[in-house]
Amino acid sequence: MFRVVTVSARHGLLMLLAAVGLVLFLPPAAAQAATHCPAREDQPNRVFEHGCRLDRGWYVSSRSDTVRLVMQSDGNLVLRRTYDDRPLWSSHTDRGSYVQFQNDGNLVVRDSANNPLWASGTNGYFLALQDDGNLVVRGYNYNPLWATGTSIYV
């Protein structure tokens, strides 16, 4: 009798190596790419619509992966330059449980009790993670309502 078990590729590799007596040390993943934050691919920048949510340990990347918006495991929302992991901007929150681009167009970091810890204070149409290193909440007429004001070129 056989039992079918679905495992991740990483977990499956570790099980296989353990079965043959090999030891492999894989570095722990600092953050995982978000799958519950779909992006519109019809834009020159990576665009996220209302409802996009990142839990601790998850991130989203710009279109060419020059920057990543990371909801760190320590509860801080950080925009990082990818090639050297340099922080470009931070929400300065230490108890954040998740960040969400709410249906009202406000980007909000909340704690585990859903209390707001940081907010963009916007009524935006979409959130753009630009390849130049700027995170921007844009309005219905595409004008910037809030931005980190950051660049990868510093």
Protein backbone atom coordinates (compact mmCIF):
# COMPACT_ATOMS: atom_id res chain seq x y z
CA MET A 1 0.00 0.00 0.00
CA PHE A 2 1.33 3.41 -0.99
CA ARG A 3 0.46 6.79 0.41
CA VAL A 4 0.67 9.88 -1.78
CA VAL A 5 2.03 12.95 -0.01
CA THR A 6 2.46 16.38 -1.57
CA VAL A 7 5.58 18.21 -0.41
CA SER A 8 7.47 21.29 -1.52
CA ALA A 9 10.51 20.82 -3.74
CA ARG A 10 12.82 21.95 -0.91
CA HIS A 11 11.21 19.60 1.61
CA GLY A 12 11.25 16.74 -0.91
CA LEU A 13 14.96 17.27 -1.59
CA LEU A 14 15.73 17.20 2.13
CA MET A 15 13.71 13.98 2.56
CA LEU A 16 15.55 12.36 -0.37
CA LEU A 17 18.97 13.36 0.94
CA ALA A 18 18.09 12.14 4.43
CA ALA A 19 16.96 8.81 2.99
CA VAL A 20 20.33 8.23 1.29
CA GLY A 21 22.31 9.44 4.29
CA LEU A 22 23.57 12.73 2.88
CA VAL A 23 23.50 15.96 4.82
CA LEU A 24 22.86 19.23 3.06
CA PHE A 25 22.73 22.61 4.72
CA LEU A 26 20.40 25.01 2.94
CA PRO A 27 20.26 28.62 4.12
CA PRO A 28 16.86 29.55 5.50
CA ALA A 29 14.78 31.71 3.21
CA ALA A 30 14.61 35.24 4.61
CA ALA A 31 11.35 35.90 2.84
CA GLN A 32 9.07 34.20 0.32
CA ALA A 33 7.64 35.74 -2.80
CA ALA A 34 3.99 36.58 -2.29
CA THR A 35 1.48 34.57 -4.26
CA HIS A 36 -1.59 36.27 -2.77
CA CYS A 37 -0.70 39.69 -4.13
CA PRO A 38 -1.28 39.47 -7.88
CA ALA A 39 0.20 42.19 -10.03
CA ARG A 40 -1.05 43.72 -13.26
CA GLU A 41 1.51 42.98 -15.92
CA ASP A 42 0.16 45.50 -18.45
CA GLN A 43 2.03 48.38 -16.84
CA PRO A 44 5.70 49.43 -17.16
CA ASN A 45 5.98 49.10 -13.37
CA ARG A 46 4.72 46.32 -11.10
CA VAL A 47 1.23 47.43 -10.14
CA PHE A 48 -0.77 46.05 -7.22
CA GLU A 49 -4.49 46.61 -6.81
CA HIS A 50 -6.75 46.86 -3.77
CA GLY A 51 -6.62 43.86 -1.47
CA CYS A 52 -2.92 43.10 -1.94
CA ARG A 53 -1.65 41.78 1.41
CA LEU A 54 1.80 40.75 2.63
CA ASP A 55 2.14 38.77 5.83
CA ARG A 56 5.37 38.59 7.83
CA GLY A 57 8.11 36.90 5.84
CA TRP A 58 6.63 37.74 2.41
CA TYR A 59 7.72 40.17 -0.30
CA VAL A 60 6.83 41.51 -3.72
CA SER A 61 9.35 42.54 -6.38
CA SER A 62 9.48 45.29 -8.96
CA ARG A 63 9.09 44.14 -12.58
CA SER A 64 12.84 43.67 -13.13
CA ASP A 65 13.49 42.72 -9.47
CA THR A 66 15.61 45.82 -8.74
CA VAL A 67 13.71 46.40 -5.49
CA ARG A 68 11.58 44.36 -3.12
CA LEU A 69 8.90 45.43 -0.67
CA VAL A 70 9.40 43.09 2.29
CA MET A 71 7.16 42.55 5.31
CA GLN A 72 9.98 41.39 7.54
CA SER A 73 9.63 38.80 10.26
CA ASP A 74 10.32 41.55 12.86
CA GLY A 75 7.15 43.39 11.77
CA ASN A 76 8.86 46.19 9.84
CA LEU A 77 7.80 46.98 6.26
CA VAL A 78 10.99 47.68 4.29
CA LEU A 79 11.72 48.64 0.68
CA ARG A 80 15.08 47.05 -0.23
CA ARG A 81 17.42 47.35 -3.18
CA THR A 82 17.79 43.76 -4.39
CA TYR A 83 21.41 43.46 -5.46
CA ASP A 84 22.91 44.46 -2.08
CA ASP A 85 19.81 44.16 0.18
CA ARG A 86 20.21 47.82 1.18
CA PRO A 87 17.12 49.29 2.88
CA LEU A 88 15.82 52.33 1.00
CA TRP A 89 12.75 53.05 3.15
CA SER A 90 11.04 51.63 6.23
CA SER A 91 7.72 51.99 8.06
CA HIS A 92 9.62 51.82 11.40
CA THR A 93 7.10 49.37 12.81
CA ASP A 94 8.27 46.55 15.05
CA ARG A 95 4.98 44.81 15.84
CA GLY A 96 3.52 44.63 12.34
CA SER A 97 1.76 41.43 11.43
CA TYR A 98 0.89 42.32 7.85
CA VAL A 99 0.59 45.17 5.37
CA GLN A 100 -2.37 45.59 3.06
CA PHE A 101 -3.32 47.93 0.24
CA GLN A 102 -6.89 48.27 1.46
CA ASN A 103 -10.01 48.57 -0.68
CA ASP A 104 -10.16 52.29 0.23
CA GLY A 105 -6.70 52.84 -1.31
CA ASN A 106 -4.80 53.23 1.97
CA LEU A 107 -1.57 51.25 2.46
CA VAL A 108 -1.63 50.13 6.11
CA VAL A 109 0.65 48.10 8.39
CA ARG A 110 -1.39 46.36 11.10
CA ASP A 111 -0.56 44.34 14.20
CA SER A 112 -1.99 40.91 15.01
CA ALA A 113 -5.06 42.54 16.62
CA ASN A 114 -5.70 44.51 13.37
CA ASN A 115 -4.71 47.83 14.95
CA PRO A 116 -3.08 50.23 12.47
CA LEU A 117 0.60 50.94 13.18
CA TRP A 118 1.45 52.93 10.05
CA ALA A 119 -0.60 54.20 7.08
CA SER A 120 -0.01 56.12 3.86
CA GLY A 121 -3.19 58.15 4.50
CA THR A 122 -4.30 57.83 0.88
CA ASN A 123 -7.38 57.00 -1.16
CA GLY A 124 -5.41 55.50 -4.03
CA TYR A 125 -6.31 53.55 -7.13
CA PHE A 126 -3.21 51.34 -7.26
CA LEU A 127 0.20 50.77 -5.67
CA ALA A 128 3.20 50.92 -8.02
CA LEU A 129 6.54 49.33 -7.14
CA GLN A 130 8.79 51.04 -9.64
CA ASP A 131 12.09 49.68 -10.96
CA ASP A 132 13.78 52.99 -10.08
CA GLY A 133 13.26 52.19 -6.39
CA ASN A 134 10.21 54.31 -5.62
CA LEU A 135 7.03 52.90 -4.07
CA VAL A 136 4.06 55.06 -5.10
CA VAL A 137 0.33 55.11 -4.29
CA ARG A 138 -1.36 56.60 -7.35
CA GLY A 139 -4.82 58.09 -7.71
CA TYR A 140 -7.51 57.41 -10.29
CA ASN A 141 -5.93 59.92 -12.68
CA TYR A 142 -2.50 58.25 -12.09
CA ASN A 143 -1.17 61.21 -10.10
CA PRO A 144 1.07 60.33 -7.13
CA LEU A 145 -0.73 60.59 -3.77
CA TRP A 146 2.11 59.23 -1.61
CA ALA A 147 5.63 57.99 -2.36
CA THR A 148 8.70 56.79 -0.53
CA GLY A 149 10.78 59.23 -2.58
CA THR A 150 13.57 56.65 -2.86
CA SER A 151 15.89 55.65 -5.67
CA ILE A 152 18.17 52.68 -6.35
CA TYR A 153 20.76 55.11 -7.73
CA VAL A 154 22.01 56.42 -4.38
